[in-house]
Structures are given as structure tokens and as C-alpha cells.
């Protein structure tokens, strides 16, 4: 049986999807944010009200914060599963995280460098 918390993983996935949609909204209309968030609601057209609603639902900044908070909670839960905590446990934990993240990072950097 896995020790993964599927609810936290799901919530992190929703946060990641919100960030992606938030970026898509900015790409589709770069001037939407200053136009709809700085104006009073009564001065907005129907399309701008829909854009304001989309920006509210897919709040990218809030989703990024939620993603990082949940990632920190998942890391702490992983650390709490250790039998005892000492310097060597911290080193092993850190090395496992580095070996898990950096290979993908190096491949992506090399891929974008070649592109």
C-alpha cells in the first residue's frame, strides 16, 4: 500500500492546472488583467466580466502559493516517515530529492538549449 496522500496530490494537480490556465488567459489577451482588474465592475462589458471571473477562478498567484504550501506539507510528511532524524537522515533525504529532481531538470535545460 502506498503512503501517498491522494487528496493532497489532487489538490496540487488542481493548483497546477489553474496556473496553466492563468498563463493561457494571459497569452490569449495580454491586456486583460489591467483592463478588468483595475476597473470597477459597473464599467466592464460582458466579455470583460467573463474575463474577470476566469481570472478569479484561475488565480495563478494563489494557485502557485497553494502548490508550494502543499508541496512543503508533502515533503514534511515524507520526512516524518523516517524512523529517526539525525544529520545522516537529512543528508540522505536531501540527496534523494536532488536525484529525483535534477535529472529531469538537466534534460529539460539541455533540450531547450538544443531547441
PDB file of N, CA and C in Angstrom:
ATOM      1  N   UNK A   1       0.838  -1.188   0.000  1.00  0.00           N
ATOM      2  CA  UNK A   1       0.000   0.000   0.000  1.00  0.00           C
ATOM      3  C   UNK A   1       0.884   1.253   0.000  1.00  0.00           C
ATOM      4  N   UNK A   2       0.542   2.210  -0.792  1.00  0.00           N
ATOM      5  CA  UNK A   2       1.324   3.426  -0.940  1.00  0.00           C
ATOM      6  C   UNK A   2       1.044   4.387   0.212  1.00  0.00           C
ATOM      7  N   UNK A   3       2.045   5.171   0.566  1.00  0.00           N
ATOM      8  CA  UNK A   3       1.889   6.187   1.608  1.00  0.00           C
ATOM      9  C   UNK A   3       1.485   7.533   1.023  1.00  0.00           C
ATOM     10  N   UNK A   4       1.167   7.564  -0.254  1.00  0.00           N
ATOM     11  CA  UNK A   4       0.813   8.832  -0.898  1.00  0.00           C
ATOM     12  C   UNK A   4      -0.549   9.309  -0.407  1.00  0.00           C
ATOM     13  N   UNK A   5      -0.661  10.604  -0.257  1.00  0.00           N
ATOM     14  CA  UNK A   5      -1.921  11.227   0.109  1.00  0.00           C
ATOM     15  C   UNK A   5      -2.560  11.727  -1.189  1.00  0.00           C
ATOM     16  N   UNK A   6      -3.502  10.964  -1.690  1.00  0.00           N
ATOM     17  CA  UNK A   6      -4.093  11.281  -2.996  1.00  0.00           C
ATOM     18  C   UNK A   6      -4.869  12.592  -2.979  1.00  0.00           C
ATOM     19  N   UNK A   7      -5.427  12.957  -1.841  1.00  0.00           N
ATOM     20  CA  UNK A   7      -6.148  14.229  -1.763  1.00  0.00           C
ATOM     21  C   UNK A   7      -5.192  15.407  -1.940  1.00  0.00           C
ATOM     22  N   UNK A   8      -4.024  15.335  -1.296  1.00  0.00           N
ATOM     23  CA  UNK A   8      -3.040  16.411  -1.471  1.00  0.00           C
ATOM     24  C   UNK A   8      -2.490  16.435  -2.888  1.00  0.00           C
ATOM     25  N   UNK A   9      -2.248  15.246  -3.444  1.00  0.00           N
ATOM     26  CA  UNK A   9      -1.779  15.180  -4.831  1.00  0.00           C
ATOM     27  C   UNK A   9      -2.818  15.774  -5.777  1.00  0.00           C
ATOM     28  N   UNK A  10      -4.079  15.477  -5.537  1.00  0.00           N
ATOM     29  CA  UNK A  10      -5.148  16.013  -6.385  1.00  0.00           C
ATOM     30  C   UNK A  10      -5.232  17.523  -6.271  1.00  0.00           C
ATOM     31  N   UNK A  11      -5.140  18.031  -5.051  1.00  0.00           N
ATOM     32  CA  UNK A  11      -5.207  19.476  -4.857  1.00  0.00           C
ATOM     33  C   UNK A  11      -4.002  20.177  -5.499  1.00  0.00           C
ATOM     34  N   UNK A  12      -2.822  19.559  -5.418  1.00  0.00           N
ATOM     35  CA  UNK A  12      -1.648  20.122  -6.106  1.00  0.00           C
ATOM     36  C   UNK A  12      -1.873  20.095  -7.620  1.00  0.00           C
ATOM     37  N   UNK A  13      -2.492  19.043  -8.136  1.00  0.00           N
ATOM     38  CA  UNK A  13      -2.799  18.969  -9.569  1.00  0.00           C
ATOM     39  C   UNK A  13      -3.757  20.066  -9.995  1.00  0.00           C
ATOM     40  N   UNK A  14      -4.788  20.312  -9.186  1.00  0.00           N
ATOM     41  CA  UNK A  14      -5.738  21.389  -9.492  1.00  0.00           C
ATOM     42  C   UNK A  14      -5.025  22.738  -9.486  1.00  0.00           C
ATOM     43  N   UNK A  15      -4.142  22.942  -8.514  1.00  0.00           N
ATOM     44  CA  UNK A  15      -3.379  24.197  -8.466  1.00  0.00           C
ATOM     45  C   UNK A  15      -2.505  24.354  -9.708  1.00  0.00           C
ATOM     46  N   UNK A  16      -1.861  23.279 -10.137  1.00  0.00           N
ATOM     47  CA  UNK A  16      -1.017  23.337 -11.337  1.00  0.00           C
ATOM     48  C   UNK A  16      -1.854  23.645 -12.575  1.00  0.00           C
ATOM     49  N   UNK A  17      -3.025  23.035 -12.678  1.00  0.00           N
ATOM     50  CA  UNK A  17      -3.913  23.305 -13.819  1.00  0.00           C
ATOM     51  C   UNK A  17      -4.374  24.757 -13.806  1.00  0.00           C
ATOM     52  N   UNK A  18      -4.666  25.298 -12.612  1.00  0.00           N
ATOM     53  CA  UNK A  18      -5.059  26.713 -12.521  1.00  0.00           C
ATOM     54  C   UNK A  18      -3.944  27.625 -13.012  1.00  0.00           C
ATOM     55  N   UNK A  19      -2.708  27.302 -12.687  1.00  0.00           N
ATOM     56  CA  UNK A  19      -1.575  28.117 -13.154  1.00  0.00           C
ATOM     57  C   UNK A  19      -1.470  28.046 -14.680  1.00  0.00           C
ATOM     58  N   UNK A  20      -1.638  26.855 -15.242  1.00  0.00           N
ATOM     59  CA  UNK A  20      -1.574  26.701 -16.701  1.00  0.00           C
ATOM     60  C   UNK A  20      -2.672  27.525 -17.369  1.00  0.00           C
ATOM     61  N   UNK A  21      -3.903  27.434 -16.869  1.00  0.00           N
ATOM     62  CA  UNK A  21      -4.997  28.209 -17.452  1.00  0.00           C
ATOM     63  C   UNK A  21      -4.771  29.703 -17.274  1.00  0.00           C
ATOM     64  N   UNK A  22      -4.224  30.098 -16.130  1.00  0.00           N
ATOM     65  CA  UNK A  22      -3.935  31.511 -15.903  1.00  0.00           C
ATOM     66  C   UNK A  22      -2.949  32.028 -16.959  1.00  0.00           C
ATOM     67  N   UNK A  23      -1.913  31.241 -17.255  1.00  0.00           N
ATOM     68  CA  UNK A  23      -0.958  31.643 -18.288  1.00  0.00           C
ATOM     69  C   UNK A  23      -1.618  31.657 -19.668  1.00  0.00           C
ATOM     70  N   UNK A  24      -2.491  30.708 -19.933  1.00  0.00           N
ATOM     71  CA  UNK A  24      -3.197  30.685 -21.225  1.00  0.00           C
ATOM     72  C   UNK A  24      -4.065  31.928 -21.393  1.00  0.00           C
ATOM     73  N   UNK A  25      -4.709  32.349 -20.313  1.00  0.00           N
ATOM     74  CA  UNK A  25      -5.530  33.567 -20.367  1.00  0.00           C
ATOM     75  C   UNK A  25      -4.643  34.763 -20.692  1.00  0.00           C
ATOM     76  N   UNK A  26      -3.465  34.847 -20.071  1.00  0.00           N
ATOM     77  CA  UNK A  26      -2.552  35.963 -20.339  1.00  0.00           C
ATOM     78  C   UNK A  26      -2.029  35.929 -21.771  1.00  0.00           C
ATOM     79  N   UNK A  27      -1.801  34.752 -22.308  1.00  0.00           N
ATOM     80  CA  UNK A  27      -1.330  34.649 -23.688  1.00  0.00           C
ATOM     81  C   UNK A  27      -2.438  35.049 -24.654  1.00  0.00           C
ATOM     82  N   UNK A  28      -3.671  34.631 -24.360  1.00  0.00           N
ATOM     83  CA  UNK A  28      -4.794  34.946 -25.243  1.00  0.00           C
ATOM     84  C   UNK A  28      -5.087  36.444 -25.285  1.00  0.00           C
ATOM     85  N   UNK A  29      -4.973  37.124 -24.141  1.00  0.00           N
ATOM     86  CA  UNK A  29      -5.240  38.566 -24.091  1.00  0.00           C
ATOM     87  C   UNK A  29      -4.310  39.197 -23.052  1.00  0.00           C
ATOM     88  N   UNK A  30      -3.126  39.664 -23.473  1.00  0.00           N
ATOM     89  CA  UNK A  30      -2.153  40.211 -22.519  1.00  0.00           C
ATOM     90  C   UNK A  30      -2.645  41.442 -21.764  1.00  0.00           C
ATOM     91  N   UNK A  31      -3.616  42.152 -22.318  1.00  0.00           N
ATOM     92  CA  UNK A  31      -4.098  43.385 -21.688  1.00  0.00           C
ATOM     93  C   UNK A  31      -5.331  43.153 -20.821  1.00  0.00           C
ATOM     94  N   UNK A  32      -5.738  41.900 -20.680  1.00  0.00           N
ATOM     95  CA  UNK A  32      -6.959  41.599 -19.923  1.00  0.00           C
ATOM     96  C   UNK A  32      -6.821  41.973 -18.452  1.00  0.00           C
ATOM     97  N   UNK A  33      -5.717  41.638 -17.842  1.00  0.00           N
ATOM     98  CA  UNK A  33      -5.554  41.850 -16.395  1.00  0.00           C
ATOM     99  C   UNK A  33      -5.667  43.327 -16.027  1.00  0.00           C
ATOM    100  N   UNK A  34      -4.876  44.230 -16.622  1.00  0.00           N
ATOM    101  CA  UNK A  34      -5.038  45.630 -16.214  1.00  0.00           C
ATOM    102  C   UNK A  34      -6.408  46.192 -16.591  1.00  0.00           C
ATOM    103  N   UNK A  35      -6.979  45.694 -17.682  1.00  0.00           N
ATOM    104  CA  UNK A  35      -8.264  46.211 -18.146  1.00  0.00           C
ATOM    105  C   UNK A  35      -9.409  45.803 -17.216  1.00  0.00           C
ATOM    106  N   UNK A  36      -9.419  44.568 -16.742  1.00  0.00           N
ATOM    107  CA  UNK A  36     -10.583  44.104 -15.978  1.00  0.00           C
ATOM    108  C   UNK A  36     -10.388  44.160 -14.469  1.00  0.00           C
ATOM    109  N   UNK A  37      -9.165  44.102 -13.988  1.00  0.00           N
ATOM    110  CA  UNK A  37      -8.969  44.106 -12.538  1.00  0.00           C
ATOM    111  C   UNK A  37      -8.858  45.504 -11.958  1.00  0.00           C
ATOM    112  N   UNK A  38      -8.490  46.478 -12.769  1.00  0.00           N
ATOM    113  CA  UNK A  38      -8.351  47.849 -12.276  1.00  0.00           C
ATOM    114  C   UNK A  38      -9.609  48.679 -12.465  1.00  0.00           C
ATOM    115  N   UNK A  39     -10.557  48.185 -13.226  1.00  0.00           N
ATOM    116  CA  UNK A  39     -11.783  48.938 -13.489  1.00  0.00           C
ATOM    117  C   UNK A  39     -12.894  48.491 -12.537  1.00  0.00           C
ATOM    118  N   UNK A  40     -13.807  49.418 -12.196  1.00  0.00           N
ATOM    119  CA  UNK A  40     -14.952  48.989 -11.389  1.00  0.00           C
ATOM    120  C   UNK A  40     -15.836  48.026 -12.184  1.00  0.00           C
ATOM    121  N   UNK A  41     -16.498  47.145 -11.497  1.00  0.00           N
ATOM    122  CA  UNK A  41     -17.317  46.119 -12.140  1.00  0.00           C
ATOM    123  C   UNK A  41     -18.414  46.728 -13.010  1.00  0.00           C
ATOM    124  N   UNK A  42     -18.965  47.875 -12.589  1.00  0.00           N
ATOM    125  CA  UNK A  42     -20.049  48.508 -13.351  1.00  0.00           C
ATOM    126  C   UNK A  42     -19.566  49.049 -14.696  1.00  0.00           C
ATOM    127  N   UNK A  43     -18.269  49.276 -14.863  1.00  0.00           N
ATOM    128  CA  UNK A  43     -17.739  49.837 -16.105  1.00  0.00           C
ATOM    129  C   UNK A  43     -17.313  48.759 -17.101  1.00  0.00           C
ATOM    130  N   UNK A  44     -17.456  47.493 -16.742  1.00  0.00           N
ATOM    131  CA  UNK A  44     -16.980  46.417 -17.605  1.00  0.00           C
ATOM    132  C   UNK A  44     -18.070  45.925 -18.546  1.00  0.00           C
ATOM    133  N   UNK A  45     -17.618  45.483 -19.726  1.00  0.00           N
ATOM    134  CA  UNK A  45     -18.545  44.862 -20.673  1.00  0.00           C
ATOM    135  C   UNK A  45     -18.779  43.413 -20.251  1.00  0.00           C
ATOM    136  N   UNK A  46     -19.689  42.746 -20.928  1.00  0.00           N
ATOM    137  CA  UNK A  46     -19.986  41.345 -20.608  1.00  0.00           C
ATOM    138  C   UNK A  46     -18.776  40.444 -20.799  1.00  0.00           C
ATOM    139  N   UNK A  47     -18.004  40.687 -21.848  1.00  0.00           N
ATOM    140  CA  UNK A  47     -16.808  39.885 -22.110  1.00  0.00           C
ATOM    141  C   UNK A  47     -15.765  40.112 -21.009  1.00  0.00           C
ATOM    142  N   UNK A  48     -15.610  41.374 -20.590  1.00  0.00           N
ATOM    143  CA  UNK A  48     -14.638  41.670 -19.544  1.00  0.00           C
ATOM    144  C   UNK A  48     -15.067  41.104 -18.193  1.00  0.00           C
ATOM    145  N   UNK A  49     -16.362  41.054 -17.930  1.00  0.00           N
ATOM    146  CA  UNK A  49     -16.844  40.433 -16.691  1.00  0.00           C
ATOM    147  C   UNK A  49     -16.530  38.942 -16.717  1.00  0.00           C
ATOM    148  N   UNK A  50     -16.696  38.312 -17.876  1.00  0.00           N
ATOM    149  CA  UNK A  50     -16.336  36.898 -18.005  1.00  0.00           C
ATOM    150  C   UNK A  50     -14.833  36.712 -17.803  1.00  0.00           C
ATOM    151  N   UNK A  51     -14.038  37.616 -18.347  1.00  0.00           N
ATOM    152  CA  UNK A  51     -12.589  37.553 -18.149  1.00  0.00           C
ATOM    153  C   UNK A  51     -12.208  37.734 -16.693  1.00  0.00           C
ATOM    154  N   UNK A  52     -12.910  38.636 -16.019  1.00  0.00           N
ATOM    155  CA  UNK A  52     -12.646  38.839 -14.587  1.00  0.00           C
ATOM    156  C   UNK A  52     -13.008  37.590 -13.787  1.00  0.00           C
ATOM    157  N   UNK A  53     -14.098  36.952 -14.164  1.00  0.00           N
ATOM    158  CA  UNK A  53     -14.497  35.711 -13.488  1.00  0.00           C
ATOM    159  C   UNK A  53     -13.453  34.611 -13.726  1.00  0.00           C
ATOM    160  N   UNK A  54     -12.983  34.489 -14.969  1.00  0.00           N
ATOM    161  CA  UNK A  54     -11.952  33.495 -15.274  1.00  0.00           C
ATOM    162  C   UNK A  54     -10.671  33.754 -14.479  1.00  0.00           C
ATOM    163  N   UNK A  55     -10.274  35.025 -14.396  1.00  0.00           N
ATOM    164  CA  UNK A  55      -9.072  35.355 -13.628  1.00  0.00           C
ATOM    165  C   UNK A  55      -9.264  35.065 -12.152  1.00  0.00           C
ATOM    166  N   UNK A  56     -10.501  35.204 -11.667  1.00  0.00           N
ATOM    167  CA  UNK A  56     -10.775  34.909 -10.262  1.00  0.00           C
ATOM    168  C   UNK A  56     -10.740  33.415 -10.000  1.00  0.00           C
ATOM    169  N   UNK A  57     -11.289  32.630 -10.916  1.00  0.00           N
ATOM    170  CA  UNK A  57     -11.298  31.171 -10.740  1.00  0.00           C
ATOM    171  C   UNK A  57      -9.904  30.601 -10.902  1.00  0.00           C
ATOM    172  N   UNK A  58      -9.190  31.046 -11.916  1.00  0.00           N
ATOM    173  CA  UNK A  58      -7.846  30.537 -12.190  1.00  0.00           C
ATOM    174  C   UNK A  58      -6.800  31.533 -11.694  1.00  0.00           C
ATOM    175  N   UNK A  59      -6.886  31.898 -10.424  1.00  0.00           N
ATOM    176  CA  UNK A  59      -5.959  32.857  -9.833  1.00  0.00           C
ATOM    177  C   UNK A  59      -4.571  32.222  -9.752  1.00  0.00           C
ATOM    178  N   UNK A  60      -3.718  32.603 -10.675  1.00  0.00           N
ATOM    179  CA  UNK A  60      -2.409  31.969 -10.793  1.00  0.00           C
ATOM    180  C   UNK A  60      -1.526  32.164  -9.583  1.00  0.00           C
ATOM    181  N   UNK A  61      -1.477  33.371  -9.035  1.00  0.00           N
ATOM    182  CA  UNK A  61      -0.630  33.626  -7.882  1.00  0.00           C
ATOM    183  C   UNK A  61      -1.057  32.822  -6.671  1.00  0.00           C
ATOM    184  N   UNK A  62      -2.353  32.762  -6.434  1.00  0.00           N
ATOM    185  CA  UNK A  62      -2.859  31.992  -5.302  1.00  0.00           C
ATOM    186  C   UNK A  62      -2.616  30.499  -5.516  1.00  0.00           C
ATOM    187  N   UNK A  63      -2.750  30.043  -6.749  1.00  0.00           N
ATOM    188  CA  UNK A  63      -2.521  28.630  -7.051  1.00  0.00           C
ATOM    189  C   UNK A  63      -1.057  28.259  -6.860  1.00  0.00           C
ATOM    190  N   UNK A  64      -0.144  29.165  -7.221  1.00  0.00           N
ATOM    191  CA  UNK A  64       1.284  28.904  -7.009  1.00  0.00           C
ATOM    192  C   UNK A  64       1.571  28.796  -5.515  1.00  0.00           C
ATOM    193  N   UNK A  65       1.020  29.722  -4.733  1.00  0.00           N
ATOM    194  CA  UNK A  65       1.217  29.656  -3.281  1.00  0.00           C
ATOM    195  C   UNK A  65       0.655  28.358  -2.708  1.00  0.00           C
ATOM    196  N   UNK A  66      -0.532  27.971  -3.138  1.00  0.00           N
ATOM    197  CA  UNK A  66      -1.144  26.727  -2.670  1.00  0.00           C
ATOM    198  C   UNK A  66      -0.275  25.532  -3.052  1.00  0.00           C
ATOM    199  N   UNK A  67       0.228  25.521  -4.277  1.00  0.00           N
ATOM    200  CA  UNK A  67       1.078  24.425  -4.738  1.00  0.00           C
ATOM    201  C   UNK A  67       2.321  24.300  -3.861  1.00  0.00           C
ATOM    202  N   UNK A  68       2.972  25.424  -3.546  1.00  0.00           N
ATOM    203  CA  UNK A  68       4.183  25.367  -2.732  1.00  0.00           C
ATOM    204  C   UNK A  68       3.889  24.969  -1.290  1.00  0.00           C
ATOM    205  N   UNK A  69       2.784  25.446  -0.738  1.00  0.00           N
ATOM    206  CA  UNK A  69       2.423  25.055   0.629  1.00  0.00           C
ATOM    207  C   UNK A  69       2.139  23.554   0.691  1.00  0.00           C
ATOM    208  N   UNK A  70       1.387  23.049  -0.272  1.00  0.00           N
ATOM    209  CA  UNK A  70       1.079  21.617  -0.291  1.00  0.00           C
ATOM    210  C   UNK A  70       2.325  20.787  -0.558  1.00  0.00           C
ATOM    211  N   UNK A  71       3.209  21.266  -1.414  1.00  0.00           N
ATOM    212  CA  UNK A  71       4.462  20.543  -1.659  1.00  0.00           C
ATOM    213  C   UNK A  71       5.300  20.481  -0.390  1.00  0.00           C
ATOM    214  N   UNK A  72       5.331  21.565   0.364  1.00  0.00           N
ATOM    215  CA  UNK A  72       6.041  21.564   1.636  1.00  0.00           C
ATOM    216  C   UNK A  72       5.422  20.583   2.617  1.00  0.00           C
ATOM    217  N   UNK A  73       4.083  20.513   2.631  1.00  0.00           N
ATOM    218  CA  UNK A  73       3.407  19.557   3.520  1.00  0.00           C
ATOM    219  C   UNK A  73       3.737  18.121   3.116  1.00  0.00           C
ATOM    220  N   UNK A  74       3.784  17.854   1.813  1.00  0.00           N
ATOM    221  CA  UNK A  74       4.114  16.508   1.339  1.00  0.00           C
ATOM    222  C   UNK A  74       5.562  16.162   1.706  1.00  0.00           C
ATOM    223  N   UNK A  75       6.475  17.118   1.555  1.00  0.00           N
ATOM    224  CA  UNK A  75       7.870  16.875   1.936  1.00  0.00           C
ATOM    225  C   UNK A  75       8.000  16.611   3.435  1.00  0.00           C
ATOM    226  N   UNK A  76       7.296  17.380   4.246  1.00  0.00           N
ATOM    227  CA  UNK A  76       7.360  17.168   5.695  1.00  0.00           C
ATOM    228  C   UNK A  76       6.769  15.815   6.073  1.00  0.00           C
ATOM    229  N   UNK A  77       5.676  15.427   5.434  1.00  0.00           N
ATOM    230  CA  UNK A  77       5.094  14.112   5.713  1.00  0.00           C
ATOM    231  C   UNK A  77       6.079  13.013   5.339  1.00  0.00           C
ATOM    232  N   UNK A  78       6.793  13.200   4.245  1.00  0.00           N
ATOM    233  CA  UNK A  78       7.804  12.234   3.837  1.00  0.00           C
ATOM    234  C   UNK A  78       8.939  12.177   4.858  1.00  0.00           C
ATOM    235  N   UNK A  79       9.319  13.316   5.374  1.00  0.00           N
ATOM    236  CA  UNK A  79      10.387  13.374   6.368  1.00  0.00           C
ATOM    237  C   UNK A  79       9.949  12.761   7.693  1.00  0.00           C
ATOM    238  N   UNK A  80       8.687  12.930   8.055  1.00  0.00           N
ATOM    239  CA  UNK A  80       8.168  12.351   9.299  1.00  0.00           C
ATOM    240  C   UNK A  80       8.141  10.827   9.265  1.00  0.00           C
ATOM    241  N   UNK A  81       8.141  10.237   8.083  1.00  0.00           N
ATOM    242  CA  UNK A  81       8.143   8.776   7.984  1.00  0.00           C
ATOM    243  C   UNK A  81       9.486   8.158   8.328  1.00  0.00           C
ATOM    244  N   UNK A  82      10.520   8.988   8.417  1.00  0.00           N
ATOM    245  CA  UNK A  82      11.840   8.474   8.807  1.00  0.00           C
ATOM    246  C   UNK A  82      11.773   7.985  10.250  1.00  0.00           C
ATOM    247  N   UNK A  83      12.459   6.884  10.529  1.00  0.00           N
ATOM    248  CA  UNK A  83      12.435   6.294  11.870  1.00  0.00           C
ATOM    249  C   UNK A  83      13.068   7.224  12.892  1.00  0.00           C
ATOM    250  N   UNK A  84      14.217   7.767  12.553  1.00  0.00           N
ATOM    251  CA  UNK A  84      14.860   8.729  13.443  1.00  0.00           C
ATOM    252  C   UNK A  84      15.442   9.838  12.582  1.00  0.00           C
ATOM    253  N   UNK A  85      15.670  10.972  13.188  1.00  0.00           N
ATOM    254  CA  UNK A  85      16.173  12.121  12.439  1.00  0.00           C
ATOM    255  C   UNK A  85      17.516  12.538  13.015  1.00  0.00           C
ATOM    256  N   UNK A  86      18.539  12.489  12.163  1.00  0.00           N
ATOM    257  CA  UNK A  86      19.858  12.990  12.525  1.00  0.00           C
ATOM    258  C   UNK A  86      20.472  13.609  11.271  1.00  0.00           C
ATOM    259  N   UNK A  87      21.717  13.956  11.333  1.00  0.00           N
ATOM    260  CA  UNK A  87      22.377  14.612  10.202  1.00  0.00           C
ATOM    261  C   UNK A  87      22.389  13.694   8.980  1.00  0.00           C
ATOM    262  N   UNK A  88      22.659  12.408   9.184  1.00  0.00           N
ATOM    263  CA  UNK A  88      22.721  11.479   8.047  1.00  0.00           C
ATOM    264  C   UNK A  88      21.355  11.288   7.415  1.00  0.00           C
ATOM    265  N   UNK A  89      20.314  11.311   8.205  1.00  0.00           N
ATOM    266  CA  UNK A  89      18.959  11.219   7.665  1.00  0.00           C
ATOM    267  C   UNK A  89      18.669  12.437   6.793  1.00  0.00           C
ATOM    268  N   UNK A  90      19.059  13.609   7.267  1.00  0.00           N
ATOM    269  CA  UNK A  90      18.855  14.836   6.494  1.00  0.00           C
ATOM    270  C   UNK A  90      19.644  14.799   5.193  1.00  0.00           C
ATOM    271  N   UNK A  91      20.869  14.286   5.253  1.00  0.00           N
ATOM    272  CA  UNK A  91      21.691  14.209   4.042  1.00  0.00           C
ATOM    273  C   UNK A  91      21.079  13.223   3.048  1.00  0.00           C
ATOM    274  N   UNK A  92      20.679  12.044   3.526  1.00  0.00           N
ATOM    275  CA  UNK A  92      20.052  11.049   2.633  1.00  0.00           C
ATOM    276  C   UNK A  92      18.760  11.590   2.024  1.00  0.00           C
ATOM    277  N   UNK A  93      17.950  12.256   2.852  1.00  0.00           N
ATOM    278  CA  UNK A  93      16.690  12.831   2.383  1.00  0.00           C
ATOM    279  C   UNK A  93      16.953  13.862   1.284  1.00  0.00           C
ATOM    280  N   UNK A  94      17.933  14.740   1.520  1.00  0.00           N
ATOM    281  CA  UNK A  94      18.266  15.775   0.545  1.00  0.00           C
ATOM    282  C   UNK A  94      18.812  15.164  -0.742  1.00  0.00           C
ATOM    283  N   UNK A  95      19.684  14.182  -0.624  1.00  0.00           N
ATOM    284  CA  UNK A  95      20.230  13.535  -1.819  1.00  0.00           C
ATOM    285  C   UNK A  95      19.138  12.839  -2.631  1.00  0.00           C
ATOM    286  N   UNK A  96      18.193  12.186  -1.946  1.00  0.00           N
ATOM    287  CA  UNK A  96      17.082  11.544  -2.674  1.00  0.00           C
ATOM    288  C   UNK A  96      16.277  12.573  -3.452  1.00  0.00           C
ATOM    289  N   UNK A  97      16.032  13.719  -2.851  1.00  0.00           N
ATOM    290  CA  UNK A  97      15.271  14.777  -3.535  1.00  0.00           C
ATOM    291  C   UNK A  97      16.059  15.320  -4.722  1.00  0.00           C
ATOM    292  N   UNK A  98      17.361  15.527  -4.535  1.00  0.00           N
ATOM    293  CA  UNK A  98      18.198  16.046  -5.626  1.00  0.00           C
ATOM    294  C   UNK A  98      18.228  15.045  -6.783  1.00  0.00           C
ATOM    295  N   UNK A  99      18.433  13.771  -6.462  1.00  0.00           N
ATOM    296  CA  UNK A  99      18.488  12.753  -7.516  1.00  0.00           C
ATOM    297  C   UNK A  99      17.139  12.540  -8.180  1.00  0.00           C
ATOM    298  N   UNK A 100      16.078  12.944  -7.530  1.00  0.00           N
ATOM    299  CA  UNK A 100      14.747  12.810  -8.115  1.00  0.00           C
ATOM    300  C   UNK A 100      14.424  13.980  -9.042  1.00  0.00           C
ATOM    301  N   UNK A 101      14.916  15.170  -8.713  1.00  0.00           N
ATOM    302  CA  UNK A 101      14.547  16.383  -9.447  1.00  0.00           C
ATOM    303  C   UNK A 101      15.561  16.750 -10.528  1.00  0.00           C
ATOM    304  N   UNK A 102      16.843  16.692 -10.206  1.00  0.00           N
ATOM    305  CA  UNK A 102      17.850  17.233 -11.110  1.00  0.00           C
ATOM    306  C   UNK A 102      18.009  16.504 -12.445  1.00  0.00           C
ATOM    307  N   UNK A 103      17.848  15.188 -12.540  1.00  0.00           N
ATOM    308  CA  UNK A 103      17.952  14.578 -13.873  1.00  0.00           C
ATOM    309  C   UNK A 103      16.931  15.156 -14.863  1.00  0.00           C
ATOM    310  N   UNK A 104      15.706  15.326 -14.425  1.00  0.00           N
ATOM    311  CA  UNK A 104      14.688  15.910 -15.305  1.00  0.00           C
ATOM    312  C   UNK A 104      15.021  17.366 -15.631  1.00  0.00           C
ATOM    313  N   UNK A 105      15.523  18.088 -14.646  1.00  0.00           N
ATOM    314  CA  UNK A 105      15.909  19.485 -14.872  1.00  0.00           C
ATOM    315  C   UNK A 105      17.032  19.581 -15.899  1.00  0.00           C
ATOM    316  N   UNK A 106      18.033  18.724 -15.787  1.00  0.00           N
ATOM    317  CA  UNK A 106      19.166  18.742 -16.721  1.00  0.00           C
ATOM    318  C   UNK A 106      18.701  18.386 -18.135  1.00  0.00           C
ATOM    319  N   UNK A 107      17.832  17.389 -18.250  1.00  0.00           N
ATOM    320  CA  UNK A 107      17.307  17.018 -19.566  1.00  0.00           C
ATOM    321  C   UNK A 107      16.521  18.183 -20.180  1.00  0.00           C
ATOM    322  N   UNK A 108      15.705  18.859 -19.381  1.00  0.00           N
ATOM    323  CA  UNK A 108      14.928  19.983 -19.907  1.00  0.00           C
ATOM    324  C   UNK A 108      15.824  21.145 -20.318  1.00  0.00           C
ATOM    325  N   UNK A 109      16.815  21.452 -19.521  1.00  0.00           N
ATOM    326  CA  UNK A 109      17.741  22.544 -19.861  1.00  0.00           C
ATOM    327  C   UNK A 109      18.501  22.209 -21.139  1.00  0.00           C
ATOM    328  N   UNK A 110      18.969  20.962 -21.256  1.00  0.00           N
ATOM    329  CA  UNK A 110      19.671  20.545 -22.471  1.00  0.00           C
ATOM    330  C   UNK A 110      18.745  20.585 -23.678  1.00  0.00           C
ATOM    331  N   UNK A 111      17.507  20.121 -23.485  1.00  0.00           N
ATOM    332  CA  UNK A 111      16.532  20.141 -24.581  1.00  0.00           C
ATOM    333  C   UNK A 111      16.235  21.550 -25.058  1.00  0.00           C
ATOM    334  N   UNK A 112      16.014  22.470 -24.114  1.00  0.00           N
ATOM    335  CA  UNK A 112      15.743  23.847 -24.507  1.00  0.00           C
ATOM    336  C   UNK A 112      16.979  24.510 -25.084  1.00  0.00           C
ATOM    337  N   UNK A 113      18.166  24.107 -24.594  1.00  0.00           N
ATOM    338  CA  UNK A 113      19.401  24.637 -25.160  1.00  0.00           C
ATOM    339  C   UNK A 113      19.570  24.227 -26.608  1.00  0.00           C
ATOM    340  N   UNK A 114      19.238  22.964 -26.918  1.00  0.00           N
ATOM    341  CA  UNK A 114      19.333  22.488 -28.294  1.00  0.00           C
ATOM    342  C   UNK A 114      18.263  23.106 -29.180  1.00  0.00           C
ATOM    343  N   UNK A 115      17.110  23.360 -28.603  1.00  0.00           N
ATOM    344  CA  UNK A 115      15.997  23.933 -29.361  1.00  0.00           C
ATOM    345  C   UNK A 115      16.359  25.328 -29.803  1.00  0.00           C
TER     346      UNK A 115
END
